[in-house]
């Protein structure tokens, strides 16, 4: 199986799934909140995260696990 990864950069979610790349407009956090330290409101802090397919529902990611 090919290595897969996603990157959120400058408002775009870039998904490399081994055979090609797909780009989607994306954002995290609530509108108008730009401080990542505000839990459940601000954007996710920079870093590497694991997204489980079972946690994706109707275009929303319900849970992210931050890699250490």
Protein backbone atom coordinates (compact mmCIF):
# COMPACT_ATOMS: atom_id res chain seq x y z
CA UNK A 1 0.00 0.00 0.00
CA UNK A 2 1.24 3.46 -0.88
CA UNK A 3 2.07 6.01 1.81
CA UNK A 4 -0.78 8.45 2.36
CA UNK A 5 -0.74 11.84 4.03
CA UNK A 6 -2.67 15.10 4.29
CA UNK A 7 -1.40 18.63 4.78
CA UNK A 8 -3.50 21.68 5.72
CA UNK A 9 -1.69 24.71 4.32
CA UNK A 10 -2.90 28.21 3.47
CA UNK A 11 -6.57 27.17 3.53
CA UNK A 12 -6.07 24.06 1.39
CA UNK A 13 -6.17 20.41 2.47
CA UNK A 14 -3.73 18.54 0.24
CA UNK A 15 -4.25 14.77 0.17
CA UNK A 16 -1.62 12.52 -1.37
CA UNK A 17 -2.98 9.00 -1.63
CA UNK A 18 -0.15 7.32 -3.50
CA UNK A 19 -1.48 7.55 -7.04
CA UNK A 20 -2.28 11.24 -7.13
CA UNK A 21 -3.09 14.35 -5.21
CA UNK A 22 -6.45 15.92 -4.42
CA UNK A 23 -6.87 19.48 -3.10
CA UNK A 24 -9.83 20.77 -1.09
CA UNK A 25 -10.61 24.17 0.49
CA UNK A 26 -10.48 23.63 4.25
CA UNK A 27 -10.26 25.35 7.60
CA UNK A 28 -10.32 24.48 11.28
CA UNK A 29 -11.79 26.34 14.23
CA UNK A 30 -14.78 28.61 14.53
CA UNK A 31 -15.18 31.67 12.29
CA UNK A 32 -13.29 34.66 13.70
CA UNK A 33 -11.23 32.63 16.21
CA UNK A 34 -7.55 32.49 15.27
CA UNK A 35 -5.90 31.56 18.60
CA UNK A 36 -5.13 27.81 18.67
CA UNK A 37 -4.91 27.85 22.49
CA UNK A 38 -8.69 28.35 22.78
CA UNK A 39 -9.86 24.76 23.17
CA UNK A 40 -12.77 23.61 20.96
CA UNK A 41 -12.95 27.04 19.30
CA UNK A 42 -9.62 27.98 17.74
CA UNK A 43 -7.83 26.27 14.88
CA UNK A 44 -5.84 23.11 15.58
CA UNK A 45 -2.24 23.84 16.58
CA UNK A 46 0.50 23.09 14.05
CA UNK A 47 1.76 19.52 14.10
CA UNK A 48 1.24 16.00 12.82
CA UNK A 49 -2.14 14.38 13.43
CA UNK A 50 -3.76 11.00 12.83
CA UNK A 51 -7.27 11.01 11.37
CA UNK A 52 -9.21 7.77 11.71
CA UNK A 53 -11.66 7.08 8.84
CA UNK A 54 -14.30 5.97 11.37
CA UNK A 55 -14.22 9.52 12.83
CA UNK A 56 -15.18 11.22 9.54
CA UNK A 57 -18.88 11.90 9.22
CA UNK A 58 -20.64 14.09 6.64
CA UNK A 59 -17.44 16.00 5.84
CA UNK A 60 -16.54 16.64 9.49
CA UNK A 61 -13.68 15.07 11.44
CA UNK A 62 -14.95 14.26 14.93
CA UNK A 63 -11.60 13.32 16.49
CA UNK A 64 -7.90 13.92 15.77
CA UNK A 65 -5.01 12.26 17.56
CA UNK A 66 -1.87 14.39 17.73
CA UNK A 67 1.32 12.48 17.07
CA UNK A 68 4.06 13.08 19.61
